[in-house]
Protein backbone atom coordinates (compact mmCIF):
# COMPACT_ATOMS: atom_id res chain seq x y z
CA MET A 1 40.67 -69.14 114.64
CA GLY A 2 40.29 -72.73 113.84
CA PHE A 3 39.39 -74.41 109.91
CA GLY A 4 35.87 -74.30 110.81
CA GLY A 5 35.56 -70.32 112.11
CA GLU A 6 37.54 -69.86 109.26
CA ARG A 7 35.01 -71.29 106.73
CA LEU A 8 32.32 -69.82 108.28
CA TYR A 9 34.09 -66.13 108.00
CA ASN A 10 34.94 -66.64 104.36
CA GLN A 11 30.95 -68.12 104.00
CA ARG A 12 30.15 -64.66 105.77
CA GLY A 13 32.50 -63.05 103.26
CA VAL A 14 30.97 -64.30 100.19
CA VAL A 15 27.36 -63.80 101.25
CA LEU A 16 28.55 -60.16 102.50
CA ILE A 17 30.25 -59.18 99.07
CA SER A 18 27.29 -61.36 97.25
CA SER A 19 24.77 -58.99 99.36
CA LEU A 20 26.64 -55.81 98.06
CA ALA A 21 26.89 -56.85 94.63
CA LEU A 22 23.09 -57.19 94.53
CA LEU A 23 22.35 -54.15 96.19
CA THR A 24 24.14 -52.27 93.91
CA VAL A 25 22.06 -53.90 91.02
CA LEU A 26 18.99 -52.81 92.56
CA VAL A 27 20.63 -49.15 92.80
CA ILE A 28 21.25 -49.14 89.42
CA VAL A 29 18.03 -50.55 88.32
CA GLY A 30 16.67 -48.32 90.05
CA ILE A 31 18.14 -45.03 89.14
CA GLY A 32 17.98 -46.59 85.45
CA THR A 33 13.98 -47.15 85.71
CA GLY A 34 13.85 -43.93 87.58
CA VAL A 35 15.89 -42.39 84.51
CA MET A 36 13.18 -44.07 81.96
CA LEU A 37 10.03 -42.88 83.53
CA GLN A 38 11.69 -39.58 83.06
CA ASN A 39 12.45 -39.71 79.63
CA ASP A 40 8.85 -41.90 78.55
CA TYR A 41 7.24 -38.71 80.59
CA ARG A 42 8.86 -36.00 78.39
CA VAL A 43 8.67 -38.17 75.04
CA LEU A 44 4.90 -38.70 75.90
CA ALA A 45 4.57 -35.03 76.77
CA ASN A 46 6.44 -34.00 73.38
CA LEU A 47 4.26 -36.56 71.56
CA ARG A 48 1.31 -34.97 73.20
CA GLY A 49 2.31 -31.55 72.65
CA GLY A 50 3.26 -32.45 69.09
CA THR A 51 -0.68 -33.63 68.46
CA GLU A 52 -1.80 -30.81 70.11
CA ALA A 53 0.40 -28.36 67.63
CA PHE A 54 -1.20 -30.42 64.59
CA TYR A 55 -4.70 -30.10 65.60
CA VAL A 56 -4.07 -26.25 66.20
CA SER A 57 -2.42 -26.12 62.85
CA VAL A 58 -5.06 -27.57 61.14
CA ALA A 59 -7.66 -25.16 62.94
CA GLY A 60 -5.77 -22.23 61.41
CA LEU A 61 -6.15 -23.86 57.75
CA GLU A 62 -9.70 -24.10 58.14
CA TRP A 63 -9.75 -20.73 59.21
CA SER A 64 -7.70 -19.64 56.55
CA LYS A 65 -10.86 -20.69 54.22
CA ASP A 66 -13.08 -18.84 55.87
CA GLU A 67 -10.69 -15.34 55.55
CA ILE A 68 -10.50 -16.69 51.34
CA ALA A 69 -14.36 -17.00 51.52
CA GLN A 70 -15.06 -13.63 52.94
CA THR A 71 -12.73 -11.69 51.15
CA ALA A 72 -14.36 -9.55 47.95
CA SER A 73 -11.30 -8.50 46.34
CA PHE A 74 -9.58 -10.95 43.43
CA PRO A 75 -7.82 -12.42 43.30
CA PRO A 76 -8.09 -12.92 47.09
CA ALA A 77 -4.94 -11.77 49.00
CA PRO A 78 -6.09 -11.96 53.24
CA VAL A 79 -3.77 -10.37 55.58
CA ASN A 80 -1.14 -12.34 57.20
CA GLN A 81 -2.99 -12.79 60.99
CA THR A 82 -1.96 -14.85 64.10
CA LYS A 83 -4.78 -15.94 67.12
CA ASN A 84 -3.94 -16.10 70.26
CA PHE A 85 -6.41 -18.80 72.92
CA ALA A 86 -5.66 -20.30 76.05
CA SER A 87 -3.46 -22.95 75.44
CA GLY A 88 -1.17 -21.43 72.17
CA GLU A 89 -1.71 -20.46 69.04
CA PHE A 90 -2.23 -20.66 65.24
CA SER A 91 -0.59 -18.25 62.41
CA VAL A 92 -1.36 -17.51 58.96
CA SER A 93 0.09 -16.97 56.35
CA PHE A 94 -1.19 -16.39 52.63
CA LEU A 95 1.43 -16.50 49.78
CA SER A 96 1.21 -14.85 46.41
CA PRO A 97 -2.09 -16.07 44.57
CA THR A 98 -2.31 -17.47 41.36
CA VAL A 99 -5.23 -16.18 38.90
CA ILE A 100 -6.42 -19.58 36.90
CA GLY A 101 -9.43 -17.75 34.90
CA PRO A 102 -11.93 -14.68 35.41
CA LEU A 103 -13.53 -16.67 38.42
CA SER A 104 -10.94 -18.70 39.82
CA ALA A 105 -7.87 -18.36 41.42
CA LYS A 106 -5.41 -20.72 43.80
CA LEU A 107 -3.06 -19.93 46.76
CA VAL A 108 -0.83 -21.63 49.14
CA VAL A 109 -1.40 -21.05 52.68
CA ARG A 110 1.04 -21.97 55.29
CA SER A 111 0.01 -22.24 59.18
CA VAL A 112 1.61 -22.51 62.18
CA GLY A 113 0.49 -24.08 65.00
CA THR A 114 1.93 -23.75 68.86
CA ILE A 115 1.68 -25.39 71.84
CA GLY A 116 3.84 -24.34 74.89
CA SER A 117 7.39 -25.15 73.35
CA SER A 118 5.83 -27.73 70.92
CA SER A 119 4.47 -26.38 66.84
CA HIS A 120 3.70 -28.11 63.88
CA VAL A 121 3.60 -26.59 60.14
CA LEU A 122 1.06 -27.42 57.75
CA GLN A 123 0.98 -25.95 54.05
CA ALA A 124 -2.17 -26.22 51.82
CA GLN A 125 -3.03 -25.29 48.53
CA LEU A 126 -6.48 -23.46 48.00
CA THR A 127 -8.98 -22.51 45.04
CA LYS A 128 -11.45 -20.13 45.05
CA SER A 129 -14.08 -20.40 41.99
CA TYR A 130 -16.92 -17.83 41.78
CA ASP A 131 -20.03 -18.86 39.63
CA LEU A 132 -21.78 -16.39 37.78
CA ALA A 133 -24.78 -17.83 39.10
CA ASP A 134 -26.49 -19.29 42.57
CA ALA A 135 -28.84 -21.80 40.55
CA ALA A 136 -29.87 -23.02 37.30
CA ILE A 137 -32.65 -20.07 37.62
CA GLY A 138 -33.05 -17.17 39.85
CA VAL A 139 -35.57 -15.20 40.25
CA ARG A 140 -34.74 -11.88 41.42
CA GLY A 141 -36.91 -8.09 41.83
CA ASN A 142 -40.80 -8.10 41.89
CA ALA A 143 -43.41 -10.75 40.80
CA SER A 144 -46.77 -11.82 41.01
CA ARG A 145 -47.55 -14.85 39.70
CA VAL A 146 -45.53 -18.03 38.36
CA ASN A 147 -46.62 -21.08 36.10
CA PHE A 148 -45.28 -24.04 34.97
CA SER A 149 -47.88 -25.63 33.06
CA ASP A 150 -45.79 -28.71 31.26
CA ASN A 151 -44.45 -31.88 32.18
CA SER A 152 -41.44 -31.31 30.01
CA LEU A 153 -39.42 -28.60 32.23
CA PHE A 154 -37.19 -30.28 33.70
CA ILE A 155 -34.71 -27.95 36.11
CA SER A 156 -31.07 -29.05 37.96
CA GLY A 157 -28.98 -27.30 39.96
CA VAL A 158 -26.43 -30.50 39.41
CA ASP A 159 -23.15 -29.11 37.63
CA HIS A 160 -23.25 -30.51 33.97
CA ASP A 161 -20.58 -31.09 31.12
CA PRO A 162 -22.54 -29.91 28.10
CA GLY A 163 -20.13 -31.83 26.15
CA THR A 164 -21.63 -35.08 27.70
CA ARG A 165 -24.53 -33.49 28.90
CA ASN A 166 -23.92 -35.42 32.12
CA PRO A 167 -23.33 -34.49 35.81
CA VAL A 168 -19.79 -33.38 36.26
CA PRO A 169 -18.26 -36.10 39.13
CA GLY A 170 -17.53 -34.60 42.49
CA ALA A 171 -18.67 -31.17 41.61
CA GLN A 172 -20.62 -28.85 44.26
CA ALA A 173 -23.83 -28.76 42.76
CA ARG A 174 -26.60 -25.18 43.17
CA ARG A 175 -29.98 -24.94 44.20
CA ALA A 176 -32.33 -25.09 40.89
CA VAL A 177 -34.20 -22.20 41.47
CA SER A 178 -33.04 -19.64 44.12
CA THR A 179 -35.54 -16.44 44.95
CA SER A 180 -34.44 -13.40 46.79
CA ASP A 181 -37.14 -13.50 49.00
CA ASP A 182 -39.73 -16.00 51.13
CA THR A 183 -42.78 -14.23 48.45
CA LEU A 184 -40.80 -15.19 45.03
CA ARG A 185 -40.01 -18.74 46.83
CA SER A 186 -43.65 -19.47 47.87
CA LEU A 187 -44.62 -18.65 44.35
CA VAL A 188 -42.52 -21.18 42.91
CA THR A 189 -42.96 -23.56 45.18
CA GLN A 190 -46.54 -23.07 44.53
CA ALA A 191 -46.70 -23.27 40.61
CA LEU A 192 -44.56 -26.68 41.25
CA GLY A 193 -46.90 -28.00 43.57
CA ASP A 194 -46.25 -29.32 47.12
CA PRO A 195 -45.03 -31.75 46.64
CA PRO A 196 -43.64 -30.67 43.26
CA GLN A 197 -44.48 -32.96 40.54
CA PRO A 198 -42.15 -35.52 40.03
CA GLY A 199 -39.28 -35.28 36.92
CA ILE A 200 -39.68 -31.80 36.93
CA LEU A 201 -36.52 -30.66 39.38
CA ASP A 202 -33.66 -32.84 39.76
CA ASP A 203 -33.26 -35.07 42.47
CA GLY A 204 -29.51 -36.09 42.38
CA SER A 205 -28.38 -33.35 44.87
CA ALA A 206 -28.34 -33.24 48.23
CA VAL A 207 -29.19 -29.10 48.17
CA PRO A 208 -32.81 -28.16 48.55
CA PRO A 209 -33.53 -27.25 44.81
CA VAL A 210 -35.78 -24.05 45.81
CA GLY A 211 -34.46 -21.57 48.55
CA THR A 212 -34.30 -18.07 48.87
CA SER A 213 -30.35 -16.31 48.38
CA ASN A 214 -28.61 -13.13 49.05
CA PHE A 215 -26.37 -13.26 46.19
CA LEU A 216 -27.17 -11.07 42.98
CA PRO A 217 -29.87 -8.86 44.21
CA ALA A 218 -32.00 -7.48 42.05
CA THR A 219 -29.84 -4.23 42.28
CA ALA A 220 -26.30 -5.94 41.31
CA ILE A 221 -28.36 -7.75 37.91
CA SER A 222 -29.71 -4.36 37.18
CA GLN A 223 -26.38 -2.84 37.05
CA LEU A 224 -24.59 -5.83 35.87
CA ALA A 225 -26.84 -5.88 32.80
CA ALA A 226 -26.51 -1.85 31.85
CA ASP A 227 -22.73 -2.27 31.88
CA LEU A 228 -22.16 -5.41 29.66
CA CYS A 229 -24.93 -3.95 27.39
CA GLY A 230 -22.70 -0.72 27.39
CA SER A 231 -19.52 -2.41 26.98
CA PRO A 232 -17.15 -1.91 23.77
CA GLY A 233 -17.58 -5.99 22.81
CA ALA A 234 -21.63 -5.72 23.31
CA SER A 235 -23.88 -6.46 19.84
CA VAL A 236 -27.00 -4.51 20.89
CA THR A 237 -29.94 -4.44 18.84
CA SER A 238 -33.41 -2.42 20.21
CA VAL A 239 -37.18 -3.68 19.74
CA THR A 240 -39.25 -2.09 16.95
CA ASN A 241 -41.23 0.67 18.01
CA ASP A 242 -44.22 -1.70 17.73
CA GLY A 243 -42.81 -3.42 20.91
CA SER A 244 -42.81 -6.79 19.13
CA LEU A 245 -39.30 -7.93 17.68
CA VAL A 246 -39.36 -11.66 16.15
CA LEU A 247 -36.20 -13.46 15.29
CA GLU A 248 -35.75 -16.64 13.02
CA ASP A 249 -33.05 -19.03 12.89
CA GLN A 250 -30.09 -16.99 14.57
CA ALA A 251 -26.45 -18.50 15.53
CA TRP A 252 -25.01 -16.21 18.26
CA GLY A 253 -21.75 -17.61 18.84
CA THR A 254 -20.05 -20.54 19.63
CA GLN A 255 -17.75 -22.59 22.38
CA ALA A 256 -15.01 -21.64 20.77
CA SER A 257 -16.21 -17.97 19.90
CA PRO A 258 -18.76 -16.99 23.01
CA GLN A 259 -20.63 -13.69 22.38
CA LEU A 260 -22.58 -10.70 23.95
CA ARG A 261 -25.32 -10.47 22.88
CA CYS A 262 -27.74 -7.48 24.48
CA ILE A 263 -31.68 -6.62 22.83
CA GLU A 264 -33.17 -3.60 24.43
CA GLY A 265 -36.91 -2.67 24.92
CA LEU A 266 -38.65 0.59 25.89
CA PRO A 267 -38.88 0.07 29.73
CA MET A 268 -42.90 -0.25 30.78
CA SER A 269 -43.92 -1.09 28.19
CA GLY A 270 -44.26 -4.67 27.75
CA ASP A 271 -42.32 -5.51 24.78
CA ALA A 272 -41.44 -8.73 23.31
CA VAL A 273 -38.58 -10.39 21.74
CA THR A 274 -39.86 -13.60 20.18
CA LEU A 275 -37.17 -16.47 19.44
CA ASN A 276 -38.39 -18.43 16.10
CA GLY A 277 -37.76 -21.40 14.02
CA THR A 278 -33.67 -22.68 15.06
CA THR A 279 -31.44 -20.39 17.72
CA SER A 280 -28.27 -21.39 19.38
CA GLY A 281 -25.69 -19.46 20.92
CA ALA A 282 -23.31 -19.70 23.30
CA GLY A 283 -21.90 -16.49 26.36
CA ILE A 284 -24.33 -13.92 27.62
CA LEU A 285 -27.39 -13.06 26.33
CA ILE A 286 -29.22 -9.85 27.71
CA ILE A 287 -32.68 -8.87 27.24
CA LYS A 288 -33.50 -5.51 29.04
CA ASP A 289 -37.11 -4.25 29.63
CA ALA A 290 -39.09 -6.78 27.55
CA ASP A 291 -40.41 -10.66 27.71
CA LEU A 292 -38.07 -13.56 26.19
CA ILE A 293 -40.60 -15.88 24.28
CA LEU A 294 -38.73 -19.25 22.98
CA THR A 295 -41.49 -20.79 20.75
CA GLY A 296 -38.78 -22.90 18.15
CA SER A 297 -35.82 -24.82 18.90
CA PHE A 298 -33.46 -23.45 21.23
CA HIS A 299 -29.92 -23.71 22.30
CA TRP A 300 -27.76 -22.01 24.57
CA GLU A 301 -24.87 -21.83 26.60
CA GLY A 302 -23.73 -19.47 28.91
CA LEU A 303 -25.77 -17.17 30.46
CA ILE A 304 -29.13 -15.35 30.04
CA ILE A 305 -30.21 -12.27 31.54
CA ILE A 306 -33.67 -11.08 31.52
CA THR A 307 -34.13 -7.71 33.67
CA GLY A 308 -35.96 -4.30 33.45
CA GLY A 309 -39.85 -3.78 33.79
CA GLU A 310 -42.45 -6.16 33.06
CA VAL A 311 -40.53 -8.87 32.22
CA GLY A 312 -40.39 -12.65 32.01
CA LEU A 313 -39.78 -15.83 30.53
CA ARG A 314 -42.48 -17.54 28.04
CA VAL A 315 -42.11 -21.38 26.63
CA ILE A 316 -44.53 -22.26 24.18
CA GLY A 317 -44.41 -25.39 21.87
CA SER A 318 -42.72 -28.95 21.86
CA SER A 319 -39.65 -27.86 20.18
CA SER A 320 -36.47 -28.53 22.30
CA LYS A 321 -35.41 -25.96 24.45
CA GLU A 322 -31.99 -26.27 26.24
CA ILE A 323 -30.22 -24.59 28.17
CA PHE A 324 -26.37 -25.47 29.78
CA GLY A 325 -25.37 -22.34 32.57
CA ALA A 326 -27.55 -20.45 34.13
CA MET A 327 -30.72 -17.80 33.43
CA ILE A 328 -31.66 -14.96 36.09
CA VAL A 329 -34.95 -12.88 35.71
CA ASN A 330 -35.21 -9.55 37.23
CA GLU A 331 -38.52 -7.52 37.84
CA THR A 332 -37.81 -4.13 38.58
CA ALA A 333 -41.25 -3.06 38.31
CA SER A 334 -44.52 -3.89 39.86
CA PRO A 335 -46.30 -5.84 37.26
CA GLY A 336 -50.16 -6.84 37.86
CA THR A 337 -51.83 -10.49 38.76
CA ALA A 338 -52.12 -11.23 35.02
CA THR A 339 -48.27 -11.22 34.23
CA ALA A 340 -45.92 -13.88 35.09
CA ILE A 341 -42.19 -13.79 35.39
CA LEU A 342 -41.91 -17.46 34.80
CA ASP A 343 -44.75 -18.71 32.23
CA ILE A 344 -43.38 -22.50 31.50
CA GLN A 345 -46.00 -23.83 28.84
CA GLY A 346 -43.54 -25.94 27.15
CA ASN A 347 -40.50 -27.74 26.37
CA LEU A 348 -37.73 -26.74 28.55
CA ARG A 349 -34.59 -28.37 29.90
CA LEU A 350 -32.57 -25.90 31.98
CA LEU A 351 -28.97 -27.51 33.47
CA PHE A 352 -26.33 -25.63 35.68
CA SER A 353 -23.16 -25.37 34.30
CA ARG A 354 -20.26 -23.95 35.16
CA GLN A 355 -18.11 -24.60 32.29
CA THR A 356 -20.31 -22.83 30.26
CA LEU A 357 -20.77 -19.93 32.83
CA GLY A 358 -16.88 -19.76 32.92
CA ARG A 359 -16.99 -19.42 28.88
CA ALA A 360 -19.42 -16.62 29.16
CA ALA A 361 -17.26 -14.99 32.56
CA ALA A 362 -14.54 -14.53 30.01
CA LEU A 363 -16.52 -11.98 27.88
CA ILE A 364 -17.05 -9.75 30.80
CA PRO A 365 -14.64 -6.48 30.97
CA THR A 366 -12.32 -6.77 34.02
CA SER A 367 -13.61 -3.43 35.29
CA ILE A 368 -17.23 -4.83 35.47
CA LEU A 369 -16.21 -8.24 36.67
CA GLY A 370 -14.47 -6.88 39.63
CA ASN A 371 -17.62 -4.53 40.66
CA THR A 372 -19.04 -7.86 40.59
CA TYR A 373 -17.37 -10.41 42.55
CA ALA A 374 -18.83 -9.60 46.24
CA ALA A 375 -23.12 -10.39 44.32
CA LEU A 376 -21.49 -13.74 43.52
CA PRO A 377 -21.56 -17.16 45.31
CA SER A 378 -18.34 -19.02 45.21
CA VAL A 379 -16.54 -22.16 46.06
CA ILE A 380 -13.54 -23.14 48.37
CA SER A 381 -11.98 -26.06 47.68
CA GLN A 382 -8.34 -27.56 48.56
CA GLN A 383 -6.38 -29.86 46.46
CA TYR A 384 -3.40 -30.91 49.27
CA TRP A 385 -1.96 -30.16 52.67
CA ARG A 386 1.11 -31.70 53.82
CA THR A 387 3.49 -31.57 56.86
CA VAL A 388 6.04 -28.69 56.24
CA THR A 389 9.76 -28.76 58.03
CA PRO A 390 10.55 -25.33 59.50
């Protein structure tokens, strides 16, 4: 072969070698791309599975809140459970609860969400807090008349601090007035006016100020009052035989030393307890089978219960009358149209306060409170949640 042919042969060899090298590179790139695509797919599948598992574990936490809310025992101790559905499951476990006070307990909840081979674990601390009342004033039982005839009335279901006298920031509000049925609600609404007279009901909350409630029914109020007045720590006073008990300048407990006070009338006799002068107190005040008539200056921190036959609250005069906490009026008889379960003809400020109700709850024996939890409203709050590494 001549020089020219040899050169052509060499050129062809170079071309062949270059082509083979290029082909090798392309094959390697193709294989690498395929591997990368497979890896990306696996990564995306894992990410999607992990995200779905996270949301399933969140659903488990929300489910746990409902379980805690529906548990009537105190402290709440729901049973660990697993809930299955089409594409996965969540398993919720409840750690031992810690009692904070007579009305609240906290517990740690762990939720494991599983989707296929992916799982996610979340842990949260939740607190269940009961309230001794579902409104600033609760009206229960039978009633035929409600009267609000003074513009010096103010009722608020917003949680108040008795020290600062201001609303507690971020606290869940209750109703201003709760009733046990639509008949009572209509009586209250009619007395307030439609729309209500300005300045009577606090409008600083998204919660409707007046409404019906299934909490603290009439039977539960009657039983609670009877149990408390029969408990060893109660200071009991009876209405005199003439059906009228007039008291003046009373001091019944303080924030540091609240008291449980009971004043008992005769059933169905139309008895009355009148507080004149200056009266102050803290704790629980129960008026059984008698009206409570406030004429002088009055300041109470805690819970007031008026219950029995022919009972009601009557407020007269311009002297300052202020209640931080809650009041419940429960009529167990069938009064005539001349009898008002609420007859407000004077100055009265009634402000819902969890702080004062919490102090009042400390006066209730454990056995009595244990029988009452099922009738009380509660709030579930979450302090934190975080991802937990298995």
